[in-house]
Amino acid sequence: MAGLFVTATDTEVGKTVVAGAVAAGLRARGLSVGVMKPLASGGVVDAAGYLAAEDAVFLMRAAGVPEIERPLVNPVCLAPALTPAVAAAESGVTIEMAAVTAAYRRLAARYRLMVVEGVGGMAAPLWEDYLVADLAGAIGLPLLVVARPNLGTINHTVLTVDYARRRGLTVAGVVLNCWDEARAGVLERSNAAYIERLTAVPVLGRLPRSAAVSVPAGRTEGLAAMAEKYLDLDAIFKVMEGNRHERC
């Protein structure tokens, strides 16, 4: 199976925007791209009265995935804005991780490439002692780590990459989100350099903010152009396709 698992150094780093940008950029190149947000918390009631994950809706719009596939794109959506394991316990819900991975396989069979977004960081608990790292291992896709460009990001990113490798996972690269080229100075540029130096993992993009893009509002305007300009889509595509030959 070919694709990418998008994780991050922490929560609220911008995984959804980066995952959406990758999906939108590759779709604009004419490629068949599926997306998945296996588990989500903090779901909101949509216009139809259903509990929906804003992240999943955003990813589907970015990739052009039809609404009918939402049950596979986001098989678990919980209302409490807590880590999924706690949100499930608070909601009286049992999460069947085997069903989640089965949904992934069904989606992956329909698309050439898959972009899967995790929750929080690699050690976030999804159900009881089952972590994001366990799900990434079960799916078997290389990781793209989303990190902040500011102070502290070297430590967070190095620890994330090291933990992933200790779990037997392949880290394909890092994307620095919310990058401001006009204000980037010694701090931001040295952060990027040290991340590459200390992890031996390439920084595959520096994605800026855009007022036209909003996850809560489901706005994806200009996302594909941003991906083409600010992400190394050639390298990302190569990693995603290379996984097909290694695992299939």
C-alpha atoms as a PDB file:
ATOM      1  CA  MET A   1       0.000   0.000   0.000  1.00  0.00           C
ATOM      2  CA  ALA A   2       1.243   3.475  -0.853  1.00  0.00           C
ATOM      3  CA  GLY A   3       0.836   6.531   1.301  1.00  0.00           C
ATOM      4  CA  LEU A   4       1.890   8.594   4.270  1.00  0.00           C
ATOM      5  CA  PHE A   5       0.972   8.775   7.941  1.00  0.00           C
ATOM      6  CA  VAL A   6       0.967  12.387   9.145  1.00  0.00           C
ATOM      7  CA  THR A   7       1.844  12.820  12.811  1.00  0.00           C
ATOM      8  CA  ALA A   8       3.242  15.694  14.872  1.00  0.00           C
ATOM      9  CA  THR A   9       5.365  16.697  17.811  1.00  0.00           C
ATOM     10  CA  ASP A  10       2.258  17.703  19.768  1.00  0.00           C
ATOM     11  CA  THR A  11      -1.389  18.635  19.398  1.00  0.00           C
ATOM     12  CA  GLU A  12      -2.469  21.849  17.621  1.00  0.00           C
ATOM     13  CA  VAL A  13       0.678  21.895  15.486  1.00  0.00           C
ATOM     14  CA  GLY A  14      -1.192  21.801  12.187  1.00  0.00           C
ATOM     15  CA  LYS A  15      -1.292  18.149  11.097  1.00  0.00           C
ATOM     16  CA  THR A  16      -4.638  18.598   9.377  1.00  0.00           C
ATOM     17  CA  VAL A  17      -3.522  21.518   7.230  1.00  0.00           C
ATOM     18  CA  VAL A  18      -0.298  19.771   6.231  1.00  0.00           C
ATOM     19  CA  ALA A  19      -2.093  16.494   5.505  1.00  0.00           C
ATOM     20  CA  GLY A  20      -4.686  18.376   3.476  1.00  0.00           C
ATOM     21  CA  ALA A  21      -1.981  20.243   1.580  1.00  0.00           C
ATOM     22  CA  VAL A  22      -0.242  16.994   0.631  1.00  0.00           C
ATOM     23  CA  ALA A  23      -3.540  15.486  -0.525  1.00  0.00           C
ATOM     24  CA  ALA A  24      -4.604  18.595  -2.447  1.00  0.00           C
ATOM     25  CA  GLY A  25      -1.206  19.021  -4.075  1.00  0.00           C
ATOM     26  CA  LEU A  26      -1.018  15.438  -5.295  1.00  0.00           C
ATOM     27  CA  ARG A  27      -4.642  15.521  -6.436  1.00  0.00           C
ATOM     28  CA  ALA A  28      -3.859  18.656  -8.487  1.00  0.00           C
ATOM     29  CA  ARG A  29      -1.163  16.610 -10.198  1.00  0.00           C
ATOM     30  CA  GLY A  30      -3.841  14.212 -11.362  1.00  0.00           C
ATOM     31  CA  LEU A  31      -3.224  11.473  -8.808  1.00  0.00           C
ATOM     32  CA  SER A  32      -5.880   9.444  -7.023  1.00  0.00           C
ATOM     33  CA  VAL A  33      -5.571  10.334  -3.337  1.00  0.00           C
ATOM     34  CA  GLY A  34      -7.604   8.990  -0.437  1.00  0.00           C
ATOM     35  CA  VAL A  35      -7.583  10.484   3.039  1.00  0.00           C
ATOM     36  CA  MET A  36      -8.315   9.155   6.495  1.00  0.00           C
ATOM     37  CA  LYS A  37      -8.734  10.516  10.000  1.00  0.00           C
ATOM     38  CA  PRO A  38      -9.107   7.167  11.765  1.00  0.00           C
ATOM     39  CA  LEU A  39     -10.093   8.613  15.143  1.00  0.00           C
ATOM     40  CA  ALA A  40     -11.184  12.102  16.093  1.00  0.00           C
ATOM     41  CA  SER A  41     -12.402  13.762  19.265  1.00  0.00           C
ATOM     42  CA  GLY A  42     -14.013  17.136  19.734  1.00  0.00           C
ATOM     43  CA  GLY A  43     -16.594  16.308  17.065  1.00  0.00           C
ATOM     44  CA  VAL A  44     -19.353  18.822  16.332  1.00  0.00           C
ATOM     45  CA  VAL A  45     -22.949  18.311  15.214  1.00  0.00           C
ATOM     46  CA  ASP A  46     -23.254  19.162  11.515  1.00  0.00           C
ATOM     47  CA  ALA A  47     -26.221  20.599   9.589  1.00  0.00           C
ATOM     48  CA  ALA A  48     -27.682  17.129   9.158  1.00  0.00           C
ATOM     49  CA  GLY A  49     -27.594  16.494  12.888  1.00  0.00           C
ATOM     50  CA  TYR A  50     -24.690  14.040  12.799  1.00  0.00           C
ATOM     51  CA  LEU A  51     -21.537  14.173  14.890  1.00  0.00           C
ATOM     52  CA  ALA A  52     -18.737  15.116  12.504  1.00  0.00           C
ATOM     53  CA  ALA A  53     -14.995  15.649  12.734  1.00  0.00           C
ATOM     54  CA  GLU A  54     -13.917  18.973  11.265  1.00  0.00           C
ATOM     55  CA  ASP A  55     -10.523  17.475  10.423  1.00  0.00           C
ATOM     56  CA  ALA A  56     -12.111  14.689   8.376  1.00  0.00           C
ATOM     57  CA  VAL A  57     -14.375  17.105   6.496  1.00  0.00           C
ATOM     58  CA  PHE A  58     -11.401  19.326   5.671  1.00  0.00           C
ATOM     59  CA  LEU A  59      -9.302  16.398   4.428  1.00  0.00           C
ATOM     60  CA  MET A  60     -12.132  15.085   2.266  1.00  0.00           C
ATOM     61  CA  ARG A  61     -12.595  18.473   0.623  1.00  0.00           C
ATOM     62  CA  ALA A  62      -8.862  18.812   0.054  1.00  0.00           C
ATOM     63  CA  ALA A  63      -8.703  15.420  -1.671  1.00  0.00           C
ATOM     64  CA  GLY A  64     -12.104  15.563  -3.380  1.00  0.00           C
ATOM     65  CA  VAL A  65     -13.303  12.455  -1.550  1.00  0.00           C
ATOM     66  CA  PRO A  66     -17.107  12.076  -1.733  1.00  0.00           C
ATOM     67  CA  GLU A  67     -19.277  12.419   1.369  1.00  0.00           C
ATOM     68  CA  ILE A  68     -20.486   8.825   1.044  1.00  0.00           C
ATOM     69  CA  GLU A  69     -17.039   7.650   2.146  1.00  0.00           C
ATOM     70  CA  ARG A  70     -17.008   9.564   5.435  1.00  0.00           C
ATOM     71  CA  PRO A  71     -17.755   6.433   7.562  1.00  0.00           C
ATOM     72  CA  LEU A  72     -14.494   4.944   6.264  1.00  0.00           C
ATOM     73  CA  VAL A  73     -12.551   8.195   6.322  1.00  0.00           C
ATOM     74  CA  ASN A  74     -13.460   8.754   9.969  1.00  0.00           C
ATOM     75  CA  PRO A  75     -14.792   5.542  11.537  1.00  0.00           C
ATOM     76  CA  VAL A  76     -14.528   6.883  15.113  1.00  0.00           C
ATOM     77  CA  CYS A  77     -15.752  10.379  16.020  1.00  0.00           C
ATOM     78  CA  LEU A  78     -16.202  11.357  19.667  1.00  0.00           C
ATOM     79  CA  ALA A  79     -17.717  14.498  21.151  1.00  0.00           C
ATOM     80  CA  PRO A  80     -15.433  15.245  24.136  1.00  0.00           C
ATOM     81  CA  ALA A  81     -12.359  17.263  23.191  1.00  0.00           C
ATOM     82  CA  LEU A  82     -10.048  14.805  24.945  1.00  0.00           C
ATOM     83  CA  THR A  83      -7.496  12.246  23.820  1.00  0.00           C
ATOM     84  CA  PRO A  84      -9.553   9.475  22.125  1.00  0.00           C
ATOM     85  CA  ALA A  85      -9.019   6.857  24.839  1.00  0.00           C
ATOM     86  CA  VAL A  86     -10.374   9.226  27.494  1.00  0.00           C
ATOM     87  CA  ALA A  87     -13.096  10.620  25.209  1.00  0.00           C
ATOM     88  CA  ALA A  88     -14.297   7.078  24.527  1.00  0.00           C
ATOM     89  CA  ALA A  89     -14.374   6.214  28.235  1.00  0.00           C
ATOM     90  CA  GLU A  90     -16.292   9.406  29.011  1.00  0.00           C
ATOM     91  CA  SER A  91     -18.771   8.598  26.213  1.00  0.00           C
ATOM     92  CA  GLY A  92     -19.215   4.946  27.137  1.00  0.00           C
ATOM     93  CA  VAL A  93     -17.844   3.891  23.761  1.00  0.00           C
ATOM     94  CA  THR A  94     -15.663   0.861  23.028  1.00  0.00           C
ATOM     95  CA  ILE A  95     -13.166   1.435  20.223  1.00  0.00           C
ATOM     96  CA  GLU A  96     -12.429  -1.588  18.069  1.00  0.00           C
ATOM     97  CA  MET A  97      -9.019  -0.890  16.564  1.00  0.00           C
ATOM     98  CA  ALA A  98      -9.314  -3.915  14.251  1.00  0.00           C
ATOM     99  CA  ALA A  99     -12.351  -2.252  12.663  1.00  0.00           C
ATOM    100  CA  VAL A 100     -10.370   0.977  12.243  1.00  0.00           C
ATOM    101  CA  THR A 101      -7.527  -0.753  10.411  1.00  0.00           C
ATOM    102  CA  ALA A 102     -10.057  -2.690   8.302  1.00  0.00           C
ATOM    103  CA  ALA A 103     -11.588   0.643   7.232  1.00  0.00           C
ATOM    104  CA  TYR A 104      -8.118   1.807   6.209  1.00  0.00           C
ATOM    105  CA  ARG A 105      -7.576  -1.267   4.046  1.00  0.00           C
ATOM    106  CA  ARG A 106     -10.914  -0.751   2.304  1.00  0.00           C
ATOM    107  CA  LEU A 107     -10.044   2.858   1.513  1.00  0.00           C
ATOM    108  CA  ALA A 108      -6.507   2.033   0.430  1.00  0.00           C
ATOM    109  CA  ALA A 109      -7.850  -0.445  -2.099  1.00  0.00           C
ATOM    110  CA  ARG A 110      -9.735   2.386  -3.845  1.00  0.00           C
ATOM    111  CA  TYR A 111      -6.952   4.932  -4.188  1.00  0.00           C
ATOM    112  CA  ARG A 112      -3.430   4.994  -5.554  1.00  0.00           C
ATOM    113  CA  LEU A 113      -2.175   6.978  -2.556  1.00  0.00           C
ATOM    114  CA  MET A 114      -3.389   7.407   1.020  1.00  0.00           C
ATOM    115  CA  VAL A 115      -2.821  10.301   3.431  1.00  0.00           C
ATOM    116  CA  VAL A 116      -3.661   9.275   7.003  1.00  0.00           C
ATOM    117  CA  GLU A 117      -3.706  11.813   9.824  1.00  0.00           C
ATOM    118  CA  GLY A 118      -3.139  10.747  13.412  1.00  0.00           C
ATOM    119  CA  VAL A 119      -4.166  12.571  16.584  1.00  0.00           C
ATOM    120  CA  GLY A 120      -1.860  14.488  18.910  1.00  0.00           C
ATOM    121  CA  GLY A 121       1.621  12.975  18.972  1.00  0.00           C
ATOM    122  CA  MET A 122       2.993   9.471  18.618  1.00  0.00           C
ATOM    123  CA  ALA A 123       2.329   8.455  22.227  1.00  0.00           C
ATOM    124  CA  ALA A 124      -1.267   9.699  22.386  1.00  0.00           C
ATOM    125  CA  PRO A 125      -3.554   6.873  23.621  1.00  0.00           C
ATOM    126  CA  LEU A 126      -6.287   5.888  21.194  1.00  0.00           C
ATOM    127  CA  TRP A 127      -7.879   3.106  23.196  1.00  0.00           C
ATOM    128  CA  GLU A 128      -6.694   1.829  26.582  1.00  0.00           C
ATOM    129  CA  ASP A 129      -2.940   1.201  26.034  1.00  0.00           C
ATOM    130  CA  TYR A 130      -3.135   1.319  22.215  1.00  0.00           C
ATOM    131  CA  LEU A 131      -1.190   4.389  21.034  1.00  0.00           C
ATOM    132  CA  VAL A 132      -0.918   6.366  17.810  1.00  0.00           C
ATOM    133  CA  ALA A 133       2.425   4.595  17.263  1.00  0.00           C
ATOM    134  CA  ASP A 134       0.602   1.247  17.367  1.00  0.00           C
ATOM    135  CA  LEU A 135      -1.845   2.403  14.709  1.00  0.00           C
ATOM    136  CA  ALA A 136       0.963   3.749  12.524  1.00  0.00           C
ATOM    137  CA  GLY A 137       2.707   0.387  12.804  1.00  0.00           C
ATOM    138  CA  ALA A 138      -0.466  -1.527  11.953  1.00  0.00           C
ATOM    139  CA  ILE A 139      -1.085   0.601   8.877  1.00  0.00           C
ATOM    140  CA  GLY A 140       2.564   0.422   7.851  1.00  0.00           C
ATOM    141  CA  LEU A 141       3.012   3.788   6.168  1.00  0.00           C
ATOM    142  CA  PRO A 142       6.084   6.037   6.502  1.00  0.00           C
ATOM    143  CA  LEU A 143       5.689   9.042   8.784  1.00  0.00           C
ATOM    144  CA  LEU A 144       5.666  12.734   7.995  1.00  0.00           C
ATOM    145  CA  VAL A 145       6.236  14.695  11.220  1.00  0.00           C
ATOM    146  CA  VAL A 146       4.684  18.156  11.507  1.00  0.00           C
ATOM    147  CA  ALA A 147       6.582  20.518  13.812  1.00  0.00           C
ATOM    148  CA  ARG A 148       6.533  24.143  14.868  1.00  0.00           C
ATOM    149  CA  PRO A 149       9.334  26.443  13.699  1.00  0.00           C
ATOM    150  CA  ASN A 150       9.752  28.222  17.031  1.00  0.00           C
ATOM    151  CA  LEU A 151      11.789  27.777  20.198  1.00  0.00           C
ATOM    152  CA  GLY A 152      11.673  24.243  21.625  1.00  0.00           C
ATOM    153  CA  THR A 153      10.941  22.518  18.366  1.00  0.00           C
ATOM    154  CA  ILE A 154      14.389  20.879  18.103  1.00  0.00           C
ATOM    155  CA  ASN A 155      13.861  18.932  21.312  1.00  0.00           C
ATOM    156  CA  HIS A 156      10.267  17.973  20.498  1.00  0.00           C
ATOM    157  CA  THR A 157      11.100  16.872  16.967  1.00  0.00           C
ATOM    158  CA  VAL A 158      14.218  14.898  17.877  1.00  0.00           C
ATOM    159  CA  LEU A 159      12.314  13.062  20.620  1.00  0.00           C
ATOM    160  CA  THR A 160       9.414  12.308  18.262  1.00  0.00           C
ATOM    161  CA  VAL A 161      11.680  10.921  15.559  1.00  0.00           C
ATOM    162  CA  ASP A 162      13.689   8.891  18.057  1.00  0.00           C
ATOM    163  CA  TYR A 163      10.563   7.400  19.631  1.00  0.00           C
ATOM    164  CA  ALA A 164       9.131   6.513  16.221  1.00  0.00           C
ATOM    165  CA  ARG A 165      12.328   4.741  15.225  1.00  0.00           C
ATOM    166  CA  ARG A 166      12.412   2.850  18.517  1.00  0.00           C
ATOM    167  CA  ARG A 167       8.952   1.604  17.641  1.00  0.00           C
ATOM    168  CA  GLY A 168      10.215   0.340  14.300  1.00  0.00           C
ATOM    169  CA  LEU A 169       8.601   3.085  12.221  1.00  0.00           C
ATOM    170  CA  THR A 170      10.110   4.842   9.215  1.00  0.00           C
ATOM    171  CA  VAL A 171      10.257   8.637   9.355  1.00  0.00           C
ATOM    172  CA  ALA A 172      10.243  10.100   5.859  1.00  0.00           C
ATOM    173  CA  GLY A 173      10.588  13.758   6.722  1.00  0.00           C
ATOM    174  CA  VAL A 174       9.553  16.798   8.705  1.00  0.00           C
ATOM    175  CA  VAL A 175       7.387  19.756   7.723  1.00  0.00           C
ATOM    176  CA  LEU A 176       7.660  23.023   9.645  1.00  0.00           C
ATOM    177  CA  ASN A 177       4.179  24.501   9.822  1.00  0.00           C
ATOM    178  CA  CYS A 178       3.192  28.155  10.290  1.00  0.00           C
ATOM    179  CA  TRP A 179       6.491  29.266   8.794  1.00  0.00           C
ATOM    180  CA  ASP A 180       6.836  33.044   8.309  1.00  0.00           C
ATOM    181  CA  GLU A 181       9.570  33.673   5.782  1.00  0.00           C
ATOM    182  CA  ALA A 182       9.476  37.447   6.301  1.00  0.00           C
ATOM    183  CA  ARG A 183      10.180  37.075  10.015  1.00  0.00           C
ATOM    184  CA  ALA A 184      12.323  33.948   9.970  1.00  0.00           C
ATOM    185  CA  GLY A 185      15.663  34.652  11.572  1.00  0.00           C
ATOM    186  CA  VAL A 186      18.548  32.798  13.136  1.00  0.00           C
ATOM    187  CA  LEU A 187      16.220  30.929  15.519  1.00  0.00           C
ATOM    188  CA  GLU A 188      13.908  29.487  12.886  1.00  0.00           C
ATOM    189  CA  ARG A 189      16.607  28.711  10.321  1.00  0.00           C
ATOM    190  CA  SER A 190      18.905  27.107  12.876  1.00  0.00           C
ATOM    191  CA  ASN A 191      15.974  25.023  14.127  1.00  0.00           C
ATOM    192  CA  ALA A 192      15.458  23.601  10.656  1.00  0.00           C
ATOM    193  CA  ALA A 193      19.168  22.931  10.228  1.00  0.00           C
ATOM    194  CA  TYR A 194      19.507  21.227  13.611  1.00  0.00           C
ATOM    195  CA  ILE A 195      16.450  19.054  13.040  1.00  0.00           C
ATOM    196  CA  GLU A 196      18.039  17.696   9.874  1.00  0.00           C
ATOM    197  CA  ARG A 197      21.433  17.366  11.520  1.00  0.00           C
ATOM    198  CA  LEU A 198      20.255  15.584  14.666  1.00  0.00           C
ATOM    199  CA  THR A 199      17.636  13.309  13.103  1.00  0.00           C
ATOM    200  CA  ALA A 200      19.166  12.641   9.666  1.00  0.00           C
ATOM    201  CA  VAL A 201      15.653  13.298   8.361  1.00  0.00           C
ATOM    202  CA  PRO A 202      15.010  15.945   5.691  1.00  0.00           C
ATOM    203  CA  VAL A 203      12.826  18.979   6.207  1.00  0.00           C
ATOM    204  CA  LEU A 204      10.413  18.518   3.303  1.00  0.00           C
ATOM    205  CA  GLY A 205       8.629  21.812   3.580  1.00  0.00           C
ATOM    206  CA  ARG A 206       8.028  25.094   5.348  1.00  0.00           C
ATOM    207  CA  LEU A 207       4.300  25.788   5.126  1.00  0.00           C
ATOM    208  CA  PRO A 208       3.032  29.299   5.930  1.00  0.00           C
ATOM    209  CA  ARG A 209      -0.345  30.298   7.324  1.00  0.00           C
ATOM    210  CA  SER A 210      -3.064  31.303   4.865  1.00  0.00           C
ATOM    211  CA  ALA A 211      -6.177  33.311   5.666  1.00  0.00           C
ATOM    212  CA  ALA A 212      -7.966  31.442   2.877  1.00  0.00           C
ATOM    213  CA  VAL A 213      -7.459  28.068   4.581  1.00  0.00           C
ATOM    214  CA  SER A 214      -9.493  27.082   7.633  1.00  0.00           C
ATOM    215  CA  VAL A 215     -10.055  23.648   9.132  1.00  0.00           C
ATOM    216  CA  PRO A 216     -13.115  24.624  11.240  1.00  0.00           C
ATOM    217  CA  ALA A 217     -14.722  26.335   8.248  1.00  0.00           C
ATOM    218  CA  GLY A 218     -13.668  23.604   5.826  1.00  0.00           C
ATOM    219  CA  ARG A 219     -11.961  26.087   3.528  1.00  0.00           C
ATOM    220  CA  THR A 220      -9.280  24.607   1.284  1.00  0.00           C
ATOM    221  CA  GLU A 221      -8.881  27.404  -1.266  1.00  0.00           C
ATOM    222  CA  GLY A 222      -5.358  27.657  -2.595  1.00  0.00           C
ATOM    223  CA  LEU A 223      -4.178  24.641  -0.644  1.00  0.00           C
ATOM    224  CA  ALA A 224      -2.883  22.767  -3.695  1.00  0.00           C
ATOM    225  CA  ALA A 225      -0.903  25.799  -4.864  1.00  0.00           C
ATOM    226  CA  MET A 226       0.570  26.196  -1.395  1.00  0.00           C
ATOM    227  CA  ALA A 227       1.641  22.564  -1.384  1.00  0.00           C
ATOM    228  CA  GLU A 228       3.301  22.928  -4.768  1.00  0.00           C
ATOM    229  CA  LYS A 229       5.157  26.043  -3.683  1.00  0.00           C
ATOM    230  CA  TYR A 230       6.142  25.259  -0.114  1.00  0.00           C
ATOM    231  CA  LEU A 231       6.352  21.459   0.119  1.00  0.00           C
ATOM    232  CA  ASP A 232       8.761  19.128  -1.662  1.00  0.00           C
ATOM    233  CA  LEU A 233       5.954  17.197  -3.330  1.00  0.00           C
ATOM    234  CA  ASP A 234       8.349  15.303  -5.576  1.00  0.00           C
ATOM    235  CA  ALA A 235      10.166  13.857  -2.557  1.00  0.00           C
ATOM    236  CA  ILE A 236       6.910  13.205  -0.700  1.00  0.00           C
ATOM    237  CA  PHE A 237       5.419  11.382  -3.684  1.00  0.00           C
ATOM    238  CA  LYS A 238       8.578   9.305  -4.066  1.00  0.00           C
ATOM    239  CA  VAL A 239       8.378   8.234  -0.423  1.00  0.00           C
ATOM    240  CA  MET A 240       4.697   7.376  -0.724  1.00  0.00           C
ATOM    241  CA  GLU A 241       5.127   5.346  -3.904  1.00  0.00           C
ATOM    242  CA  GLY A 242       8.282   3.686  -2.625  1.00  0.00           C
ATOM    243  CA  ASN A 243       6.274   2.239   0.250  1.00  0.00           C
ATOM    244  CA  ARG A 244       4.068   0.421  -2.267  1.00  0.00           C
ATOM    245  CA  HIS A 245       7.034  -1.544  -3.621  1.00  0.00           C
ATOM    246  CA  GLU A 246       8.438  -2.285  -0.179  1.00  0.00           C
ATOM    247  CA  ARG A 247       5.227  -3.636   1.327  1.00  0.00           C
ATOM    248  CA  CYS A 248       3.242  -5.109  -1.561  1.00  0.00           C
END
